[in-house]
Amino acid sequence: MMRISTAALYQQSLSSMQMQTAKLAKTQNQLATEKKWTSAGDDPAGFANAQNLDQLVALNAQYTDSANGAQTRLQMSEDTVASAVDLVQHARELVIQANSASQSNSSRATIAQQLSSVRDQLLALANTGDGQGRYLFGGAADGSQPFSWNGSSADYHGDSTVVTAQVGTARFVAQNDPGSSVFQGIAVGNGTYAVSANSANTGTLAISSATVSDASAWDGGTYTLQFTAPDQYQVLDASNAVVSSGSYSAGSSISFKGTTLNLSGTPAAGDEFSVAPAGTQDVFSIVDQLATLLSQPQDTGAQRAQVQTALQQGLNSLQTAETHLTDVRGSIGTRMNSVTDALSMASSVTLSAQTAVSDLRDLDYAEAVTRLQQQMTALQAAQQTYTQVRNMSLFQYLR
């Protein structure tokens, strides 16, 4: 039979009591912090997983901040472009109103002033700030106003940089639109070609509309529609070669090279109209030129015909500008939707990560309280055993 000395029993009881005390202290610390562990040594694998999840939450917080900033800027840009579309529509309404035969030189001059006001309002929109000292449409050079008016057109002082915001893992969204791509580079006329009347014309012929009847036949050349007599015309190319000719009667149309010109009035021999590829302008110049046009007197039939031709081209240019700005607005809206999706994704990922971290790190309070009670009971038992062992000796037995 193996004998166990009193000293061994004493040490065993003491170790048991110390172990129970350590367990109890750990549980009490867990209850105080409401955490399963407070250091990597408590649960190395769980600690590492929680750290990785914490980093994921922090990264998504950065994505969320970036996305919120982009969303704010895009919303301001969308609102601004929407206002610009409204102003261009208003300009078209004013031009249509001014083109009425009931208008006088004086009333047209008043409308011209209103168009100048529209131009100034468009410039103000193009120079909209973000409320933080930056300008929405300056590209990366957004520290100063991007546009200024030089008297006949707008000068752009920004750059063409598109600034992107990272709103998710490998997910970037353009958060700005340089002013050069929003308010400049707008095709004049019908977007394919533009028509203008020779200032020396003496007839009453005006071009009421100019359309593309066959895009495949249009070669992008420059042509001159020339009337050799009130009822005869010819079309010359840039080298003065005749490419088309025929008879003309009031109210008819003339077609060549995929273009169709609808005419009204009577030309005089020698009257000419230019048909050339559509150039580009900024929206401010388009409106300004219409204002200048309406300021001109229309006292003779020839003057009215020239102004009407120019007004019709101006209306086409405004329509092109409206379409362009509407497309820009649509692009901004698409990006706003992308940012909204990214915010939703970041929120979902963050919630999942936080839930996983909570499962790893947070204490099950009810289980810990039950365990505490069990450990206190075990400690009391160990203490009683220790006391009994400590009192075990021959002298105590003989007493």
Protein backbone atom coordinates (compact mmCIF):
# COMPACT_ATOMS: atom_id res chain seq x y z
CA MET A 1 0.00 0.00 0.00
CA MET A 2 1.32 3.42 -1.01
CA ARG A 3 1.60 5.88 1.81
CA ILE A 4 0.87 9.59 1.28
CA SER A 5 2.61 11.87 3.69
CA THR A 6 0.89 14.68 5.48
CA ALA A 7 3.09 17.16 3.61
CA ALA A 8 1.95 15.77 0.25
CA LEU A 9 -1.70 16.00 1.25
CA TYR A 10 -1.07 19.51 2.45
CA GLN A 11 0.54 20.53 -0.86
CA GLN A 12 -2.19 18.87 -2.90
CA SER A 13 -4.91 20.69 -0.99
CA LEU A 14 -3.07 23.98 -1.28
CA SER A 15 -2.64 23.54 -5.06
CA SER A 16 -6.32 22.72 -5.47
CA MET A 17 -7.31 25.80 -3.52
CA GLN A 18 -4.94 28.01 -5.57
CA MET A 19 -6.27 26.59 -8.84
CA GLN A 20 -9.86 27.23 -7.81
CA THR A 21 -8.91 30.74 -6.70
CA ALA A 22 -7.31 31.44 -10.11
CA LYS A 23 -10.38 30.14 -11.96
CA LEU A 24 -12.64 32.26 -9.78
CA ALA A 25 -10.50 35.36 -10.36
CA LYS A 26 -10.62 34.80 -14.12
CA THR A 27 -14.39 34.46 -14.10
CA GLN A 28 -14.75 37.55 -11.92
CA ASN A 29 -12.55 39.48 -14.37
CA GLN A 30 -14.67 38.26 -17.28
CA LEU A 31 -17.81 39.45 -15.54
CA ALA A 32 -16.20 42.81 -14.79
CA THR A 33 -15.07 43.35 -18.42
CA GLU A 34 -17.94 41.41 -20.03
CA LYS A 35 -15.28 39.80 -22.26
CA LYS A 36 -14.28 36.16 -22.59
CA TRP A 37 -10.63 37.13 -22.71
CA THR A 38 -8.51 40.23 -22.50
CA SER A 39 -5.21 39.06 -23.98
CA ALA A 40 -3.94 36.80 -26.75
CA GLY A 41 -2.79 34.27 -24.19
CA ASP A 42 -6.36 33.58 -23.07
CA ASP A 43 -7.38 32.34 -26.55
CA PRO A 44 -4.70 32.79 -29.25
CA ALA A 45 -6.86 31.62 -32.17
CA GLY A 46 -9.91 33.61 -31.07
CA PHE A 47 -7.79 36.68 -30.41
CA ALA A 48 -6.26 36.52 -33.92
CA ASN A 49 -9.65 36.05 -35.57
CA ALA A 50 -11.12 38.96 -33.62
CA GLN A 51 -8.22 41.20 -34.63
CA ASN A 52 -8.75 40.35 -38.30
CA LEU A 53 -12.45 41.12 -37.96
CA ASP A 54 -11.67 44.40 -36.17
CA GLN A 55 -9.45 45.39 -39.09
CA LEU A 56 -12.27 44.54 -41.50
CA VAL A 57 -14.68 46.74 -39.53
CA ALA A 58 -12.15 49.60 -39.51
CA LEU A 59 -11.56 49.24 -43.26
CA ASN A 60 -15.29 49.32 -43.95
CA ALA A 61 -15.56 52.44 -41.80
CA GLN A 62 -13.04 54.09 -44.13
CA TYR A 63 -15.00 52.94 -47.17
CA THR A 64 -18.18 54.29 -45.60
CA ASP A 65 -16.62 57.70 -44.90
CA SER A 66 -15.30 57.85 -48.47
CA ALA A 67 -18.67 56.78 -49.89
CA ASN A 68 -20.58 59.33 -47.81
CA GLY A 69 -18.26 62.08 -49.00
CA ALA A 70 -18.67 60.99 -52.62
CA GLN A 71 -22.43 60.74 -52.22
CA THR A 72 -22.64 64.27 -50.85
CA ARG A 73 -20.53 65.68 -53.68
CA LEU A 74 -22.42 63.73 -56.34
CA GLN A 75 -25.76 64.85 -54.93
CA MET A 76 -24.66 68.49 -55.08
CA SER A 77 -23.42 67.99 -58.64
CA GLU A 78 -26.65 66.30 -59.70
CA ASP A 79 -28.74 69.12 -58.21
CA THR A 80 -26.58 71.71 -59.97
CA VAL A 81 -26.75 70.02 -63.37
CA ALA A 82 -30.52 69.60 -62.96
CA SER A 83 -30.78 73.37 -62.40
CA ALA A 84 -28.66 73.94 -65.52
CA VAL A 85 -31.05 71.77 -67.55
CA ASP A 86 -33.96 73.87 -66.29
CA LEU A 87 -32.17 77.07 -67.32
CA VAL A 88 -31.44 75.75 -70.83
CA GLN A 89 -35.09 74.78 -71.19
CA HIS A 90 -36.05 78.29 -70.10
CA ALA A 91 -33.65 79.75 -72.68
CA ARG A 92 -35.34 77.68 -75.41
CA GLU A 93 -38.73 78.96 -74.32
CA LEU A 94 -37.47 82.54 -74.49
CA VAL A 95 -36.05 82.05 -78.00
CA ILE A 96 -39.28 80.49 -79.24
CA GLN A 97 -41.18 83.42 -77.73
CA ALA A 98 -38.82 85.91 -79.38
CA ASN A 99 -39.15 84.23 -82.79
CA SER A 100 -42.83 85.14 -82.98
CA ALA A 101 -43.86 87.63 -85.67
CA SER A 102 -45.75 89.59 -83.01
CA GLN A 103 -42.53 90.63 -81.28
CA SER A 104 -41.02 94.07 -81.81
CA ASN A 105 -37.39 95.10 -81.72
CA SER A 106 -37.99 96.45 -78.22
CA SER A 107 -39.65 93.30 -76.88
CA ARG A 108 -36.94 91.13 -78.41
CA ALA A 109 -34.31 93.31 -76.72
CA THR A 110 -36.05 92.67 -73.40
CA ILE A 111 -35.94 88.92 -74.05
CA ALA A 112 -32.26 89.30 -74.96
CA GLN A 113 -31.64 90.76 -71.50
CA GLN A 114 -33.39 87.76 -69.95
CA LEU A 115 -31.15 85.44 -71.96
CA SER A 116 -28.08 87.32 -70.70
CA SER A 117 -29.38 86.71 -67.19
CA VAL A 118 -29.73 82.99 -68.00
CA ARG A 119 -26.11 82.98 -69.18
CA ASP A 120 -24.98 84.56 -65.89
CA GLN A 121 -27.01 82.05 -63.88
CA LEU A 122 -25.45 79.18 -65.81
CA LEU A 123 -21.99 80.57 -65.05
CA ALA A 124 -22.89 80.80 -61.37
CA LEU A 125 -23.98 77.16 -61.40
CA ALA A 126 -20.75 76.13 -63.13
CA ASN A 127 -18.86 77.87 -60.31
CA THR A 128 -20.82 76.16 -57.53
CA GLY A 129 -18.77 75.39 -54.42
CA ASP A 130 -19.05 72.35 -52.19
CA GLY A 131 -19.32 74.37 -48.98
CA GLN A 132 -15.79 73.40 -47.95
CA GLY A 133 -13.80 75.83 -50.05
CA ARG A 134 -13.65 73.61 -53.15
CA TYR A 135 -15.54 73.86 -56.45
CA LEU A 136 -17.61 71.03 -57.87
CA PHE A 137 -16.56 71.38 -61.50
CA GLY A 138 -12.86 72.28 -61.29
CA GLY A 139 -11.49 68.76 -61.67
CA ALA A 140 -8.48 68.33 -59.39
CA ALA A 141 -7.75 72.08 -59.64
CA ASP A 142 -10.83 72.86 -57.58
CA GLY A 143 -9.37 75.48 -55.25
CA SER A 144 -10.60 78.45 -57.30
CA GLN A 145 -13.58 79.24 -59.53
CA PRO A 146 -13.28 77.12 -62.66
CA PHE A 147 -15.06 79.48 -65.09
CA SER A 148 -14.82 83.15 -66.00
CA TRP A 149 -16.53 85.11 -68.77
CA ASN A 150 -14.24 86.90 -71.24
CA GLY A 151 -16.97 88.79 -73.06
CA SER A 152 -17.75 86.26 -75.77
CA SER A 153 -17.05 82.85 -74.26
CA ALA A 154 -16.14 81.18 -70.99
CA ASP A 155 -12.56 80.43 -70.00
CA TYR A 156 -12.01 77.23 -68.05
CA HIS A 157 -9.38 77.38 -65.30
CA GLY A 158 -9.82 73.88 -63.92
CA ASP A 159 -8.43 70.66 -65.33
CA SER A 160 -9.86 67.46 -66.77
CA THR A 161 -8.95 65.21 -63.84
CA VAL A 162 -11.64 62.81 -62.68
CA VAL A 163 -11.25 62.23 -58.94
CA THR A 164 -12.26 58.78 -57.75
CA ALA A 165 -13.32 57.60 -54.31
CA GLN A 166 -12.73 54.05 -53.08
CA VAL A 167 -16.03 52.85 -51.70
CA GLY A 168 -15.24 49.15 -51.35
CA THR A 169 -12.66 46.48 -52.00
CA ALA A 170 -11.41 47.16 -55.56
CA ARG A 171 -14.45 49.39 -56.04
CA PHE A 172 -13.93 52.99 -57.16
CA VAL A 173 -16.46 55.65 -58.15
CA ALA A 174 -15.83 58.93 -59.98
CA GLN A 175 -17.01 61.60 -57.55
CA ASN A 176 -16.66 64.62 -59.82
CA ASP A 177 -17.27 65.81 -63.37
CA PRO A 178 -14.77 68.35 -64.72
CA GLY A 179 -16.50 71.48 -65.95
CA SER A 180 -14.89 71.07 -69.37
CA SER A 181 -16.91 67.88 -69.90
CA VAL A 182 -20.13 69.31 -68.45
CA PHE A 183 -20.48 72.83 -69.84
CA GLN A 184 -18.06 72.85 -72.78
CA GLY A 185 -17.62 70.81 -75.94
CA ILE A 186 -21.31 70.96 -76.89
CA ALA A 187 -21.97 70.35 -80.58
CA VAL A 188 -23.75 73.26 -82.26
CA GLY A 189 -26.53 73.07 -84.83
CA ASN A 190 -28.19 69.68 -84.98
CA GLY A 191 -25.06 68.01 -83.64
CA THR A 192 -23.95 66.81 -87.08
CA TYR A 193 -23.79 70.00 -89.11
CA ALA A 194 -24.61 73.68 -88.71
CA VAL A 195 -26.15 76.14 -91.15
CA SER A 196 -25.54 79.87 -91.35
CA ALA A 197 -26.79 82.60 -93.69
CA ASN A 198 -24.41 84.92 -95.50
CA SER A 199 -24.65 88.37 -93.93
CA ALA A 200 -24.86 89.89 -97.44
CA ASN A 201 -28.08 88.04 -98.33
CA THR A 202 -30.85 90.32 -99.56
CA GLY A 203 -33.72 87.85 -99.98
CA THR A 204 -36.28 86.73 -97.41
CA LEU A 205 -35.33 83.05 -97.50
CA ALA A 206 -34.82 81.46 -94.07
CA ILE A 207 -33.89 77.90 -93.15
CA SER A 208 -36.59 76.73 -90.77
CA SER A 209 -35.01 73.37 -89.97
CA ALA A 210 -31.94 71.35 -90.88
CA THR A 211 -31.96 67.59 -90.40
CA VAL A 212 -29.89 64.53 -91.22
CA SER A 213 -31.91 62.45 -93.67
CA ASP A 214 -29.19 59.86 -94.37
CA ALA A 215 -26.30 59.70 -91.92
CA SER A 216 -24.36 57.30 -94.15
CA ALA A 217 -24.37 59.84 -97.00
CA TRP A 218 -23.07 62.75 -94.91
CA ASP A 219 -19.32 63.02 -95.47
CA GLY A 220 -18.53 65.81 -93.02
CA GLY A 221 -17.61 68.29 -95.74
CA THR A 222 -18.24 72.02 -95.99
CA TYR A 223 -20.78 73.12 -98.60
CA THR A 224 -22.33 76.32 -99.89
CA LEU A 225 -25.96 76.48 -100.96
CA GLN A 226 -26.02 79.22 -103.60
CA PHE A 227 -29.05 80.65 -105.37
CA THR A 228 -28.22 81.62 -108.93
CA ALA A 229 -31.78 82.91 -109.31
CA PRO A 230 -34.82 83.09 -107.01
CA ASP A 231 -35.93 79.71 -108.36
CA GLN A 232 -32.57 78.05 -109.09
CA TYR A 233 -29.87 76.77 -106.76
CA GLN A 234 -26.62 74.87 -106.75
CA VAL A 235 -24.55 73.29 -104.01
CA LEU A 236 -20.79 73.80 -104.10
CA ASP A 237 -18.19 71.85 -102.16
CA ALA A 238 -15.06 73.36 -100.61
CA SER A 239 -13.31 73.36 -104.01
CA ASN A 240 -16.31 75.13 -105.64
CA ALA A 241 -17.29 72.01 -107.55
CA VAL A 242 -21.05 71.64 -108.06
CA VAL A 243 -22.34 68.58 -106.19
CA SER A 244 -26.06 69.25 -106.60
CA SER A 245 -28.39 71.69 -108.36
CA GLY A 246 -32.06 72.13 -109.09
CA SER A 247 -35.15 74.29 -109.04
CA TYR A 248 -36.58 75.88 -105.93
CA SER A 249 -40.12 76.94 -105.09
CA ALA A 250 -41.18 78.74 -101.92
CA GLY A 251 -41.69 76.41 -98.96
CA SER A 252 -39.90 73.43 -100.50
CA SER A 253 -36.84 71.60 -99.16
CA ILE A 254 -33.41 70.92 -100.58
CA SER A 255 -31.52 67.69 -99.93
CA PHE A 256 -27.92 66.73 -100.65
CA LYS A 257 -25.21 64.56 -99.09
CA GLY A 258 -27.63 63.14 -96.52
CA THR A 259 -28.88 66.56 -95.38
CA THR A 260 -32.33 68.08 -95.72
CA LEU A 261 -32.90 71.82 -95.45
CA ASN A 262 -36.48 73.00 -95.02
CA LEU A 263 -36.86 76.52 -96.37
CA SER A 264 -39.35 79.35 -96.20
CA GLY A 265 -39.44 82.67 -98.03
CA THR A 266 -37.94 83.79 -101.32
CA PRO A 267 -34.22 84.03 -102.03
CA ALA A 268 -32.53 86.66 -104.10
CA ALA A 269 -29.99 85.81 -106.77
CA GLY A 270 -26.61 85.49 -105.09
CA ASP A 271 -27.93 84.58 -101.63
CA GLU A 272 -25.81 81.92 -99.94
CA PHE A 273 -25.99 79.59 -96.97
CA SER A 274 -23.11 77.66 -95.46
CA VAL A 275 -23.47 74.02 -94.40
CA ALA A 276 -20.49 72.86 -92.33
CA PRO A 277 -19.64 70.14 -89.79
CA ALA A 278 -20.92 71.01 -86.35
CA GLY A 279 -18.28 72.63 -84.19
CA THR A 280 -18.43 72.81 -80.42
CA GLN A 281 -19.14 75.60 -77.96
CA ASP A 282 -19.74 76.08 -74.28
CA VAL A 283 -23.34 76.41 -73.19
CA PHE A 284 -22.75 79.98 -72.00
CA SER A 285 -21.65 81.13 -75.48
CA ILE A 286 -24.65 79.47 -77.10
CA VAL A 287 -27.01 81.45 -74.87
CA ASP A 288 -24.96 84.64 -75.19
CA GLN A 289 -24.98 84.52 -79.00
CA LEU A 290 -28.75 84.14 -78.98
CA ALA A 291 -29.02 87.17 -76.70
CA THR A 292 -26.81 89.15 -79.10
CA LEU A 293 -28.88 87.96 -82.05
CA LEU A 294 -32.13 89.13 -80.48
CA SER A 295 -30.62 92.55 -79.85
CA GLN A 296 -30.23 93.10 -83.60
CA PRO A 297 -32.95 95.04 -85.45
CA GLN A 298 -35.29 93.14 -87.75
CA ASP A 299 -36.65 95.99 -89.82
CA THR A 300 -36.37 94.38 -93.25
CA GLY A 301 -37.37 91.02 -94.64
CA ALA A 302 -33.72 90.16 -95.25
CA GLN A 303 -32.80 90.97 -91.64
CA ARG A 304 -35.68 88.88 -90.33
CA ALA A 305 -34.72 85.95 -92.55
CA GLN A 306 -31.10 85.98 -91.38
CA VAL A 307 -32.11 86.22 -87.73
CA GLN A 308 -34.69 83.45 -88.10
CA THR A 309 -32.10 81.13 -89.66
CA ALA A 310 -29.67 81.87 -86.85
CA LEU A 311 -32.36 81.48 -84.19
CA GLN A 312 -33.33 78.08 -85.57
CA GLN A 313 -29.71 76.97 -85.39
CA GLY A 314 -29.50 78.38 -81.88
CA LEU A 315 -32.58 76.40 -80.85
CA ASN A 316 -30.94 73.26 -82.23
CA SER A 317 -27.80 74.04 -80.24
CA LEU A 318 -29.85 74.54 -77.07
CA GLN A 319 -31.55 71.20 -77.67
CA THR A 320 -28.15 69.56 -78.06
CA ALA A 321 -26.96 71.28 -74.86
CA GLU A 322 -30.04 70.10 -72.98
CA THR A 323 -29.50 66.52 -74.17
CA HIS A 324 -25.84 66.69 -73.19
CA LEU A 325 -26.56 68.02 -69.70
CA THR A 326 -29.31 65.45 -69.22
CA ASP A 327 -26.83 62.70 -70.13
CA VAL A 328 -24.36 64.10 -67.58
CA ARG A 329 -27.10 64.12 -64.96
CA GLY A 330 -27.93 60.51 -65.79
CA SER A 331 -24.27 59.53 -65.41
CA ILE A 332 -24.14 61.19 -62.00
CA GLY A 333 -27.32 59.39 -60.97
CA THR A 334 -25.84 56.04 -62.00
CA ARG A 335 -22.78 56.69 -59.85
CA MET A 336 -24.96 57.75 -56.92
CA ASN A 337 -26.74 54.41 -57.16
CA SER A 338 -23.38 52.65 -57.18
CA VAL A 339 -22.35 54.51 -54.02
CA THR A 340 -25.65 53.63 -52.36
CA ASP A 341 -25.03 49.96 -53.17
CA ALA A 342 -21.50 50.23 -51.77
CA LEU A 343 -22.81 51.79 -48.54
CA SER A 344 -25.34 48.99 -48.19
CA MET A 345 -22.64 46.38 -48.77
CA ALA A 346 -20.27 48.01 -46.26
CA SER A 347 -23.05 48.14 -43.67
CA SER A 348 -23.88 44.47 -44.19
CA VAL A 349 -20.24 43.37 -44.00
CA THR A 350 -19.65 45.50 -40.91
CA LEU A 351 -22.69 44.05 -39.15
CA SER A 352 -21.60 40.49 -39.95
CA ALA A 353 -18.06 41.17 -38.76
CA GLN A 354 -19.24 42.84 -35.56
CA THR A 355 -21.55 39.91 -34.86
CA ALA A 356 -18.69 37.46 -35.39
CA VAL A 357 -16.40 39.51 -33.10
CA SER A 358 -19.11 39.57 -30.47
CA ASP A 359 -19.46 35.80 -30.65
CA LEU A 360 -15.70 35.43 -30.24
CA ARG A 361 -15.07 38.05 -27.58
CA ASP A 362 -18.24 38.94 -25.68
CA LEU A 363 -19.14 37.04 -22.55
CA ASP A 364 -22.22 34.86 -22.13
CA TYR A 365 -23.23 36.56 -18.91
CA ALA A 366 -25.69 33.92 -17.71
CA GLU A 367 -23.21 31.09 -18.29
CA ALA A 368 -20.46 33.04 -16.52
CA VAL A 369 -22.64 33.70 -13.45
CA THR A 370 -23.48 29.99 -13.22
CA ARG A 371 -19.82 29.12 -13.60
CA LEU A 372 -18.90 31.67 -10.90
CA GLN A 373 -21.28 30.04 -8.45
CA GLN A 374 -19.86 26.60 -9.23
CA GLN A 375 -16.30 27.86 -8.81
CA MET A 376 -17.13 29.53 -5.50
CA THR A 377 -18.56 26.23 -4.28
CA ALA A 378 -15.47 24.39 -5.49
CA LEU A 379 -13.21 26.93 -3.79
CA GLN A 380 -15.09 26.60 -0.52
CA ALA A 381 -14.69 22.82 -0.72
CA ALA A 382 -10.98 23.19 -1.43
CA GLN A 383 -10.61 25.57 1.49
CA GLN A 384 -12.38 23.13 3.82
CA THR A 385 -10.17 20.28 2.61
CA TYR A 386 -7.08 22.40 3.12
CA THR A 387 -8.18 23.25 6.65
CA GLN A 388 -8.78 19.61 7.46
CA VAL A 389 -5.42 18.53 6.04
CA ARG A 390 -3.62 21.29 7.88
CA ASN A 391 -5.09 20.03 11.17
CA MET A 392 -4.12 16.41 10.51
CA SER A 393 -1.15 15.42 12.75
CA LEU A 394 -0.32 12.78 15.38
CA PHE A 395 -0.32 15.40 18.07
CA GLN A 396 -3.77 16.60 17.02
CA TYR A 397 -4.95 12.98 16.98
CA LEU A 398 -3.53 12.25 20.49
CA ARG A 399 -5.01 15.42 21.96
